[in-house]
Amino acid sequence: MQPVDVEGLGLHDYYEVIDKPMDFFTIKNQMEAKDGTGYKHVREICVDVRLVFKNAMKYNDEKSDVHVMAKTLLAKFEEKWLQLLPKITEEVT
């Protein structure tokens, strides 16, 4: 939900493994930005949501709870995204 507390958790190699950190707090702020710096299209949100889960899977071992939960949630997200995509496409055209 928040940016990874790299120092607090002692994850000294985090930035070596993860090129672009992402979290839901940052996504929410981008969605709510009123100054023109936020997302321009819902597809940008989708990219960042995927990144949250992919980063969790990349950093954590395949057998860890975090990796397994991120993989499960990414699959659920993709399922819901496919249901939402026709509505987005319809609004754009």
PDB file of N, CA and C in Angstrom:
ATOM      1  N   MET A   1       0.820  -1.205   0.000  1.00  0.00           N
ATOM      2  CA  MET A   1       0.000   0.000   0.000  1.00  0.00           C
ATOM      3  C   MET A   1       0.858   1.261   0.000  1.00  0.00           C
ATOM      4  N   GLN A   2       2.049   1.180   0.573  1.00  0.00           N
ATOM      5  CA  GLN A   2       2.972   2.316   0.674  1.00  0.00           C
ATOM      6  C   GLN A   2       4.271   1.952  -0.043  1.00  0.00           C
ATOM      7  N   PRO A   3       5.094   2.945  -0.342  1.00  0.00           N
ATOM      8  CA  PRO A   3       6.398   2.613  -0.902  1.00  0.00           C
ATOM      9  C   PRO A   3       7.163   1.674   0.035  1.00  0.00           C
ATOM     10  N   VAL A   4       7.960   0.797  -0.522  1.00  0.00           N
ATOM     11  CA  VAL A   4       8.736  -0.149   0.283  1.00  0.00           C
ATOM     12  C   VAL A   4       9.704   0.635   1.171  1.00  0.00           C
ATOM     13  N   ASP A   5       9.690   0.316   2.450  1.00  0.00           N
ATOM     14  CA  ASP A   5      10.601   0.950   3.412  1.00  0.00           C
ATOM     15  C   ASP A   5      11.932   0.207   3.343  1.00  0.00           C
ATOM     16  N   VAL A   6      12.727   0.563   2.355  1.00  0.00           N
ATOM     17  CA  VAL A   6      13.975  -0.141   2.073  1.00  0.00           C
ATOM     18  C   VAL A   6      14.913  -0.117   3.276  1.00  0.00           C
ATOM     19  N   GLU A   7      15.095   1.039   3.883  1.00  0.00           N
ATOM     20  CA  GLU A   7      16.003   1.152   5.026  1.00  0.00           C
ATOM     21  C   GLU A   7      15.441   0.441   6.256  1.00  0.00           C
ATOM     22  N   GLY A   8      14.167   0.696   6.551  1.00  0.00           N
ATOM     23  CA  GLY A   8      13.543   0.102   7.731  1.00  0.00           C
ATOM     24  C   GLY A   8      13.516  -1.414   7.698  1.00  0.00           C
ATOM     25  N   LEU A   9      13.371  -1.968   6.505  1.00  0.00           N
ATOM     26  CA  LEU A   9      13.318  -3.427   6.359  1.00  0.00           C
ATOM     27  C   LEU A   9      14.694  -4.027   6.063  1.00  0.00           C
ATOM     28  N   GLY A  10      15.694  -3.171   5.927  1.00  0.00           N
ATOM     29  CA  GLY A  10      17.048  -3.665   5.669  1.00  0.00           C
ATOM     30  C   GLY A  10      17.208  -4.322   4.302  1.00  0.00           C
ATOM     31  N   LEU A  11      16.505  -3.808   3.306  1.00  0.00           N
ATOM     32  CA  LEU A  11      16.556  -4.385   1.962  1.00  0.00           C
ATOM     33  C   LEU A  11      17.623  -3.657   1.140  1.00  0.00           C
ATOM     34  N   HIS A  12      18.866  -3.884   1.483  1.00  0.00           N
ATOM     35  CA  HIS A  12      19.979  -3.133   0.912  1.00  0.00           C
ATOM     36  C   HIS A  12      20.153  -3.335  -0.588  1.00  0.00           C
ATOM     37  N   ASP A  13      19.656  -4.433  -1.110  1.00  0.00           N
ATOM     38  CA  ASP A  13      19.796  -4.713  -2.551  1.00  0.00           C
ATOM     39  C   ASP A  13      18.542  -4.371  -3.348  1.00  0.00           C
ATOM     40  N   TYR A  14      17.549  -3.793  -2.705  1.00  0.00           N
ATOM     41  CA  TYR A  14      16.254  -3.559  -3.363  1.00  0.00           C
ATOM     42  C   TYR A  14      16.395  -2.787  -4.666  1.00  0.00           C
ATOM     43  N   TYR A  15      17.131  -1.694  -4.637  1.00  0.00           N
ATOM     44  CA  TYR A  15      17.250  -0.859  -5.840  1.00  0.00           C
ATOM     45  C   TYR A  15      18.164  -1.473  -6.897  1.00  0.00           C
ATOM     46  N   GLU A  16      18.923  -2.477  -6.522  1.00  0.00           N
ATOM     47  CA  GLU A  16      19.706  -3.230  -7.509  1.00  0.00           C
ATOM     48  C   GLU A  16      18.806  -4.203  -8.266  1.00  0.00           C
ATOM     49  N   VAL A  17      17.784  -4.696  -7.602  1.00  0.00           N
ATOM     50  CA  VAL A  17      16.866  -5.682  -8.192  1.00  0.00           C
ATOM     51  C   VAL A  17      15.690  -4.995  -8.879  1.00  0.00           C
ATOM     52  N   ILE A  18      15.159  -3.965  -8.257  1.00  0.00           N
ATOM     53  CA  ILE A  18      13.958  -3.276  -8.748  1.00  0.00           C
ATOM     54  C   ILE A  18      14.338  -1.950  -9.394  1.00  0.00           C
ATOM     55  N   ASP A  19      14.112  -1.861 -10.699  1.00  0.00           N
ATOM     56  CA  ASP A  19      14.459  -0.652 -11.456  1.00  0.00           C
ATOM     57  C   ASP A  19      13.495   0.493 -11.209  1.00  0.00           C
ATOM     58  N   LYS A  20      12.194   0.168 -11.133  1.00  0.00           N
ATOM     59  CA  LYS A  20      11.178   1.211 -10.974  1.00  0.00           C
ATOM     60  C   LYS A  20      10.207   0.809  -9.867  1.00  0.00           C
ATOM     61  N   PRO A  21      10.463   1.244  -8.644  1.00  0.00           N
ATOM     62  CA  PRO A  21       9.534   0.926  -7.550  1.00  0.00           C
ATOM     63  C   PRO A  21       8.147   1.526  -7.822  1.00  0.00           C
ATOM     64  N   MET A  22       7.123   0.822  -7.374  1.00  0.00           N
ATOM     65  CA  MET A  22       5.746   1.307  -7.533  1.00  0.00           C
ATOM     66  C   MET A  22       4.922   0.756  -6.376  1.00  0.00           C
ATOM     67  N   ASP A  23       3.935   1.530  -5.951  1.00  0.00           N
ATOM     68  CA  ASP A  23       3.056   1.132  -4.854  1.00  0.00           C
ATOM     69  C   ASP A  23       1.681   1.771  -5.062  1.00  0.00           C
ATOM     70  N   PHE A  24       0.703   1.295  -4.328  1.00  0.00           N
ATOM     71  CA  PHE A  24      -0.663   1.768  -4.508  1.00  0.00           C
ATOM     72  C   PHE A  24      -0.875   3.199  -4.008  1.00  0.00           C
ATOM     73  N   PHE A  25      -0.107   3.638  -3.034  1.00  0.00           N
ATOM     74  CA  PHE A  25      -0.210   5.016  -2.566  1.00  0.00           C
ATOM     75  C   PHE A  25       0.203   5.977  -3.687  1.00  0.00           C
ATOM     76  N   THR A  26       1.287   5.639  -4.368  1.00  0.00           N
ATOM     77  CA  THR A  26       1.749   6.458  -5.495  1.00  0.00           C
ATOM     78  C   THR A  26       0.725   6.454  -6.622  1.00  0.00           C
ATOM     79  N   ILE A  27       0.160   5.292  -6.904  1.00  0.00           N
ATOM     80  CA  ILE A  27      -0.863   5.186  -7.951  1.00  0.00           C
ATOM     81  C   ILE A  27      -2.062   6.061  -7.594  1.00  0.00           C
ATOM     82  N   LYS A  28      -2.508   5.978  -6.345  1.00  0.00           N
ATOM     83  CA  LYS A  28      -3.651   6.785  -5.898  1.00  0.00           C
ATOM     84  C   LYS A  28      -3.357   8.278  -6.058  1.00  0.00           C
ATOM     85  N   ASN A  29      -2.155   8.694  -5.664  1.00  0.00           N
ATOM     86  CA  ASN A  29      -1.780  10.108  -5.804  1.00  0.00           C
ATOM     87  C   ASN A  29      -1.771  10.543  -7.259  1.00  0.00           C
ATOM     88  N   GLN A  30      -1.287   9.695  -8.136  1.00  0.00           N
ATOM     89  CA  GLN A  30      -1.274  10.006  -9.564  1.00  0.00           C
ATOM     90  C   GLN A  30      -2.702  10.109 -10.114  1.00  0.00           C
ATOM     91  N   MET A  31      -3.585   9.263  -9.625  1.00  0.00           N
ATOM     92  CA  MET A  31      -4.981   9.284 -10.074  1.00  0.00           C
ATOM     93  C   MET A  31      -5.683  10.558  -9.625  1.00  0.00           C
ATOM     94  N   GLU A  32      -5.310  11.047  -8.449  1.00  0.00           N
ATOM     95  CA  GLU A  32      -5.980  12.214  -7.864  1.00  0.00           C
ATOM     96  C   GLU A  32      -5.297  13.537  -8.192  1.00  0.00           C
ATOM     97  N   ALA A  33      -4.168  13.496  -8.876  1.00  0.00           N
ATOM     98  CA  ALA A  33      -3.404  14.720  -9.167  1.00  0.00           C
ATOM     99  C   ALA A  33      -4.248  15.692  -9.981  1.00  0.00           C
ATOM    100  N   LYS A  34      -4.308  16.911  -9.520  1.00  0.00           N
ATOM    101  CA  LYS A  34      -5.105  17.954 -10.184  1.00  0.00           C
ATOM    102  C   LYS A  34      -4.231  18.945 -10.952  1.00  0.00           C
ATOM    103  N   ASP A  35      -2.922  18.750 -10.869  1.00  0.00           N
ATOM    104  CA  ASP A  35      -1.992  19.719 -11.461  1.00  0.00           C
ATOM    105  C   ASP A  35      -1.461  19.300 -12.833  1.00  0.00           C
ATOM    106  N   GLY A  36      -2.075  18.280 -13.420  1.00  0.00           N
ATOM    107  CA  GLY A  36      -1.658  17.855 -14.753  1.00  0.00           C
ATOM    108  C   GLY A  36      -0.510  16.857 -14.762  1.00  0.00           C
ATOM    109  N   THR A  37      -0.020  16.484 -13.588  1.00  0.00           N
ATOM    110  CA  THR A  37       1.099  15.546 -13.522  1.00  0.00           C
ATOM    111  C   THR A  37       0.650  14.094 -13.418  1.00  0.00           C
ATOM    112  N   GLY A  38      -0.634  13.881 -13.263  1.00  0.00           N
ATOM    113  CA  GLY A  38      -1.152  12.531 -13.060  1.00  0.00           C
ATOM    114  C   GLY A  38      -1.305  11.748 -14.344  1.00  0.00           C
ATOM    115  N   TYR A  39      -1.975  10.626 -14.205  1.00  0.00           N
ATOM    116  CA  TYR A  39      -2.206   9.752 -15.345  1.00  0.00           C
ATOM    117  C   TYR A  39      -3.052  10.455 -16.396  1.00  0.00           C
ATOM    118  N   LYS A  40      -2.735  10.207 -17.646  1.00  0.00           N
ATOM    119  CA  LYS A  40      -3.485  10.774 -18.771  1.00  0.00           C
ATOM    120  C   LYS A  40      -4.520   9.784 -19.298  1.00  0.00           C
ATOM    121  N   HIS A  41      -4.283   8.501 -19.042  1.00  0.00           N
ATOM    122  CA  HIS A  41      -5.183   7.462 -19.552  1.00  0.00           C
ATOM    123  C   HIS A  41      -5.199   6.293 -18.572  1.00  0.00           C
ATOM    124  N   VAL A  42      -6.308   5.618 -18.505  1.00  0.00           N
ATOM    125  CA  VAL A  42      -6.476   4.501 -17.581  1.00  0.00           C
ATOM    126  C   VAL A  42      -5.464   3.381 -17.859  1.00  0.00           C
ATOM    127  N   ARG A  43      -4.988   3.282 -19.070  1.00  0.00           N
ATOM    128  CA  ARG A  43      -3.992   2.248 -19.388  1.00  0.00           C
ATOM    129  C   ARG A  43      -2.683   2.488 -18.626  1.00  0.00           C
ATOM    130  N   GLU A  44      -2.380   3.737 -18.330  1.00  0.00           N
ATOM    131  CA  GLU A  44      -1.184   4.049 -17.542  1.00  0.00           C
ATOM    132  C   GLU A  44      -1.336   3.507 -16.120  1.00  0.00           C
ATOM    133  N   ILE A  45      -2.525   3.570 -15.595  1.00  0.00           N
ATOM    134  CA  ILE A  45      -2.805   3.021 -14.264  1.00  0.00           C
ATOM    135  C   ILE A  45      -2.581   1.517 -14.292  1.00  0.00           C
ATOM    136  N   CYS A  46      -3.085   0.886 -15.324  1.00  0.00           N
ATOM    137  CA  CYS A  46      -2.938  -0.554 -15.476  1.00  0.00           C
ATOM    138  C   CYS A  46      -1.463  -0.961 -15.475  1.00  0.00           C
ATOM    139  N   VAL A  47      -0.652  -0.225 -16.193  1.00  0.00           N
ATOM    140  CA  VAL A  47       0.786  -0.513 -16.259  1.00  0.00           C
ATOM    141  C   VAL A  47       1.410  -0.451 -14.866  1.00  0.00           C
ATOM    142  N   ASP A  48       1.052   0.560 -14.094  1.00  0.00           N
ATOM    143  CA  ASP A  48       1.631   0.704 -12.761  1.00  0.00           C
ATOM    144  C   ASP A  48       1.103  -0.338 -11.782  1.00  0.00           C
ATOM    145  N   VAL A  49      -0.162  -0.717 -11.885  1.00  0.00           N
ATOM    146  CA  VAL A  49      -0.696  -1.772 -11.017  1.00  0.00           C
ATOM    147  C   VAL A  49       0.051  -3.077 -11.303  1.00  0.00           C
ATOM    148  N   ARG A  50       0.238  -3.387 -12.574  1.00  0.00           N
ATOM    149  CA  ARG A  50       1.011  -4.587 -12.934  1.00  0.00           C
ATOM    150  C   ARG A  50       2.413  -4.516 -12.347  1.00  0.00           C
ATOM    151  N   LEU A  51       3.016  -3.332 -12.396  1.00  0.00           N
ATOM    152  CA  LEU A  51       4.376  -3.155 -11.894  1.00  0.00           C
ATOM    153  C   LEU A  51       4.463  -3.441 -10.394  1.00  0.00           C
ATOM    154  N   VAL A  52       3.455  -3.049  -9.632  1.00  0.00           N
ATOM    155  CA  VAL A  52       3.436  -3.337  -8.193  1.00  0.00           C
ATOM    156  C   VAL A  52       3.593  -4.837  -7.972  1.00  0.00           C
ATOM    157  N   PHE A  53       2.772  -5.613  -8.662  1.00  0.00           N
ATOM    158  CA  PHE A  53       2.795  -7.063  -8.474  1.00  0.00           C
ATOM    159  C   PHE A  53       4.058  -7.692  -9.047  1.00  0.00           C
ATOM    160  N   LYS A  54       4.493  -7.225 -10.210  1.00  0.00           N
ATOM    161  CA  LYS A  54       5.695  -7.796 -10.830  1.00  0.00           C
ATOM    162  C   LYS A  54       6.944  -7.501 -10.002  1.00  0.00           C
ATOM    163  N   ASN A  55       7.019  -6.313  -9.426  1.00  0.00           N
ATOM    164  CA  ASN A  55       8.143  -6.008  -8.545  1.00  0.00           C
ATOM    165  C   ASN A  55       8.163  -6.936  -7.332  1.00  0.00           C
ATOM    166  N   ALA A  56       7.004  -7.161  -6.738  1.00  0.00           N
ATOM    167  CA  ALA A  56       6.914  -8.047  -5.570  1.00  0.00           C
ATOM    168  C   ALA A  56       7.363  -9.462  -5.938  1.00  0.00           C
ATOM    169  N   MET A  57       6.974  -9.900  -7.119  1.00  0.00           N
ATOM    170  CA  MET A  57       7.363 -11.243  -7.558  1.00  0.00           C
ATOM    171  C   MET A  57       8.852 -11.295  -7.901  1.00  0.00           C
ATOM    172  N   LYS A  58       9.372 -10.247  -8.482  1.00  0.00           N
ATOM    173  CA  LYS A  58      10.784 -10.218  -8.872  1.00  0.00           C
ATOM    174  C   LYS A  58      11.703 -10.203  -7.643  1.00  0.00           C
ATOM    175  N   TYR A  59      11.341  -9.428  -6.640  1.00  0.00           N
ATOM    176  CA  TYR A  59      12.210  -9.275  -5.477  1.00  0.00           C
ATOM    177  C   TYR A  59      12.141 -10.466  -4.522  1.00  0.00           C
ATOM    178  N   ASN A  60      10.969 -11.066  -4.412  1.00  0.00           N
ATOM    179  CA  ASN A  60      10.762 -12.138  -3.440  1.00  0.00           C
ATOM    180  C   ASN A  60      10.839 -13.508  -4.092  1.00  0.00           C
ATOM    181  N   ASP A  61      11.406 -14.457  -3.367  1.00  0.00           N
ATOM    182  CA  ASP A  61      11.562 -15.836  -3.833  1.00  0.00           C
ATOM    183  C   ASP A  61      10.215 -16.441  -4.228  1.00  0.00           C
ATOM    184  N   GLU A  62      10.241 -17.286  -5.246  1.00  0.00           N
ATOM    185  CA  GLU A  62       9.004 -17.900  -5.775  1.00  0.00           C
ATOM    186  C   GLU A  62       8.172 -18.606  -4.715  1.00  0.00           C
ATOM    187  N   LYS A  63       8.801 -19.135  -3.708  1.00  0.00           N
ATOM    188  CA  LYS A  63       8.084 -19.890  -2.678  1.00  0.00           C
ATOM    189  C   LYS A  63       7.609 -19.012  -1.516  1.00  0.00           C
ATOM    190  N   SER A  64       7.990 -17.745  -1.523  1.00  0.00           N
ATOM    191  CA  SER A  64       7.595 -16.862  -0.421  1.00  0.00           C
ATOM    192  C   SER A  64       6.115 -16.494  -0.532  1.00  0.00           C
ATOM    193  N   ASP A  65       5.532 -16.202   0.617  1.00  0.00           N
ATOM    194  CA  ASP A  65       4.124 -15.789   0.647  1.00  0.00           C
ATOM    195  C   ASP A  65       3.900 -14.534  -0.187  1.00  0.00           C
ATOM    196  N   VAL A  66       4.838 -13.594  -0.122  1.00  0.00           N
ATOM    197  CA  VAL A  66       4.686 -12.336  -0.864  1.00  0.00           C
ATOM    198  C   VAL A  66       4.624 -12.617  -2.366  1.00  0.00           C
ATOM    199  N   HIS A  67       5.523 -13.454  -2.858  1.00  0.00           N
ATOM    200  CA  HIS A  67       5.549 -13.785  -4.290  1.00  0.00           C
ATOM    201  C   HIS A  67       4.245 -14.473  -4.699  1.00  0.00           C
ATOM    202  N   VAL A  68       3.838 -15.448  -3.928  1.00  0.00           N
ATOM    203  CA  VAL A  68       2.621 -16.212  -4.247  1.00  0.00           C
ATOM    204  C   VAL A  68       1.389 -15.309  -4.228  1.00  0.00           C
ATOM    205  N   MET A  69       1.287 -14.451  -3.225  1.00  0.00           N
ATOM    206  CA  MET A  69       0.141 -13.543  -3.142  1.00  0.00           C
ATOM    207  C   MET A  69       0.151 -12.538  -4.288  1.00  0.00           C
ATOM    208  N   ALA A  70       1.330 -12.015  -4.627  1.00  0.00           N
ATOM    209  CA  ALA A  70       1.430 -11.056  -5.735  1.00  0.00           C
ATOM    210  C   ALA A  70       1.020 -11.724  -7.046  1.00  0.00           C
ATOM    211  N   LYS A  71       1.446 -12.948  -7.249  1.00  0.00           N
ATOM    212  CA  LYS A  71       1.096 -13.687  -8.468  1.00  0.00           C
ATOM    213  C   LYS A  71      -0.415 -13.920  -8.548  1.00  0.00           C
ATOM    214  N   THR A  72      -1.007 -14.289  -7.438  1.00  0.00           N
ATOM    215  CA  THR A  72      -2.450 -14.520  -7.367  1.00  0.00           C
ATOM    216  C   THR A  72      -3.218 -13.228  -7.631  1.00  0.00           C
ATOM    217  N   LEU A  73      -2.796 -12.147  -6.991  1.00  0.00           N
ATOM    218  CA  LEU A  73      -3.484 -10.867  -7.171  1.00  0.00           C
ATOM    219  C   LEU A  73      -3.297 -10.317  -8.583  1.00  0.00           C
ATOM    220  N   LEU A  74      -2.135 -10.533  -9.182  1.00  0.00           N
ATOM    221  CA  LEU A  74      -1.923 -10.106 -10.560  1.00  0.00           C
ATOM    222  C   LEU A  74      -2.873 -10.846 -11.495  1.00  0.00           C
ATOM    223  N   ALA A  75      -3.054 -12.139 -11.273  1.00  0.00           N
ATOM    224  CA  ALA A  75      -3.979 -12.918 -12.093  1.00  0.00           C
ATOM    225  C   ALA A  75      -5.408 -12.400 -11.937  1.00  0.00           C
ATOM    226  N   LYS A  76      -5.805 -12.085 -10.712  1.00  0.00           N
ATOM    227  CA  LYS A  76      -7.151 -11.523 -10.469  1.00  0.00           C
ATOM    228  C   LYS A  76      -7.294 -10.165 -11.141  1.00  0.00           C
ATOM    229  N   PHE A  77      -6.259  -9.341 -11.034  1.00  0.00           N
ATOM    230  CA  PHE A  77      -6.287  -8.030 -11.671  1.00  0.00           C
ATOM    231  C   PHE A  77      -6.453  -8.181 -13.181  1.00  0.00           C
ATOM    232  N   GLU A  78      -5.680  -9.062 -13.789  1.00  0.00           N
ATOM    233  CA  GLU A  78      -5.753  -9.264 -15.238  1.00  0.00           C
ATOM    234  C   GLU A  78      -7.155  -9.730 -15.648  1.00  0.00           C
ATOM    235  N   GLU A  79      -7.743 -10.576 -14.844  1.00  0.00           N
ATOM    236  CA  GLU A  79      -9.108 -11.050 -15.105  1.00  0.00           C
ATOM    237  C   GLU A  79     -10.094  -9.884 -15.092  1.00  0.00           C
ATOM    238  N   LYS A  80      -9.996  -9.039 -14.072  1.00  0.00           N
ATOM    239  CA  LYS A  80     -10.888  -7.878 -13.963  1.00  0.00           C
ATOM    240  C   LYS A  80     -10.601  -6.847 -15.054  1.00  0.00           C
ATOM    241  N   TRP A  81      -9.331  -6.666 -15.393  1.00  0.00           N
ATOM    242  CA  TRP A  81      -8.942  -5.721 -16.436  1.00  0.00           C
ATOM    243  C   TRP A  81      -9.569  -6.123 -17.762  1.00  0.00           C
ATOM    244  N   LEU A  82      -9.556  -7.418 -18.062  1.00  0.00           N
ATOM    245  CA  LEU A  82     -10.161  -7.890 -19.311  1.00  0.00           C
ATOM    246  C   LEU A  82     -11.662  -7.613 -19.349  1.00  0.00           C
ATOM    247  N   GLN A  83     -12.307  -7.649 -18.208  1.00  0.00           N
ATOM    248  CA  GLN A  83     -13.733  -7.328 -18.138  1.00  0.00           C
ATOM    249  C   GLN A  83     -13.964  -5.828 -18.322  1.00  0.00           C
ATOM    250  N   LEU A  84     -13.042  -5.022 -17.846  1.00  0.00           N
ATOM    251  CA  LEU A  84     -13.165  -3.571 -17.917  1.00  0.00           C
ATOM    252  C   LEU A  84     -12.748  -3.009 -19.273  1.00  0.00           C
ATOM    253  N   LEU A  85     -11.823  -3.670 -19.940  1.00  0.00           N
ATOM    254  CA  LEU A  85     -11.249  -3.168 -21.185  1.00  0.00           C
ATOM    255  C   LEU A  85     -12.279  -2.813 -22.256  1.00  0.00           C
ATOM    256  N   PRO A  86     -13.300  -3.636 -22.494  1.00  0.00           N
ATOM    257  CA  PRO A  86     -14.289  -3.232 -23.508  1.00  0.00           C
ATOM    258  C   PRO A  86     -14.978  -1.912 -23.184  1.00  0.00           C
ATOM    259  N   LYS A  87     -15.229  -1.650 -21.908  1.00  0.00           N
ATOM    260  CA  LYS A  87     -15.867  -0.389 -21.515  1.00  0.00           C
ATOM    261  C   LYS A  87     -14.925   0.782 -21.758  1.00  0.00           C
ATOM    262  N   ILE A  88     -13.647   0.588 -21.515  1.00  0.00           N
ATOM    263  CA  ILE A  88     -12.663   1.649 -21.749  1.00  0.00           C
ATOM    264  C   ILE A  88     -12.548   1.920 -23.228  1.00  0.00           C
ATOM    265  N   THR A  89     -12.448   0.879 -24.015  1.00  0.00           N
ATOM    266  CA  THR A  89     -12.347   1.018 -25.463  1.00  0.00           C
ATOM    267  C   THR A  89     -13.570   1.721 -26.017  1.00  0.00           C
ATOM    268  N   GLU A  90     -14.734   1.390 -25.508  1.00  0.00           N
ATOM    269  CA  GLU A  90     -16.000   1.986 -25.936  1.00  0.00           C
ATOM    270  C   GLU A  90     -16.013   3.494 -25.653  1.00  0.00           C
ATOM    271  N   GLU A  91     -15.508   3.879 -24.484  1.00  0.00           N
ATOM    272  CA  GLU A  91     -15.497   5.299 -24.119  1.00  0.00           C
ATOM    273  C   GLU A  91     -14.503   6.102 -24.946  1.00  0.00           C
ATOM    274  N   VAL A  92     -13.416   5.472 -25.344  1.00  0.00           N
ATOM    275  CA  VAL A  92     -12.383   6.159 -26.109  1.00  0.00           C
ATOM    276  C   VAL A  92     -12.819   6.394 -27.545  1.00  0.00           C
ATOM    277  N   THR A  93     -13.550   5.434 -28.123  1.00  0.00           N
ATOM    278  CA  THR A  93     -13.958   5.561 -29.525  1.00  0.00           C
ATOM    279  C   THR A  93     -15.195   6.397 -29.677  1.00  0.00           C
TER     280      THR A  93
END
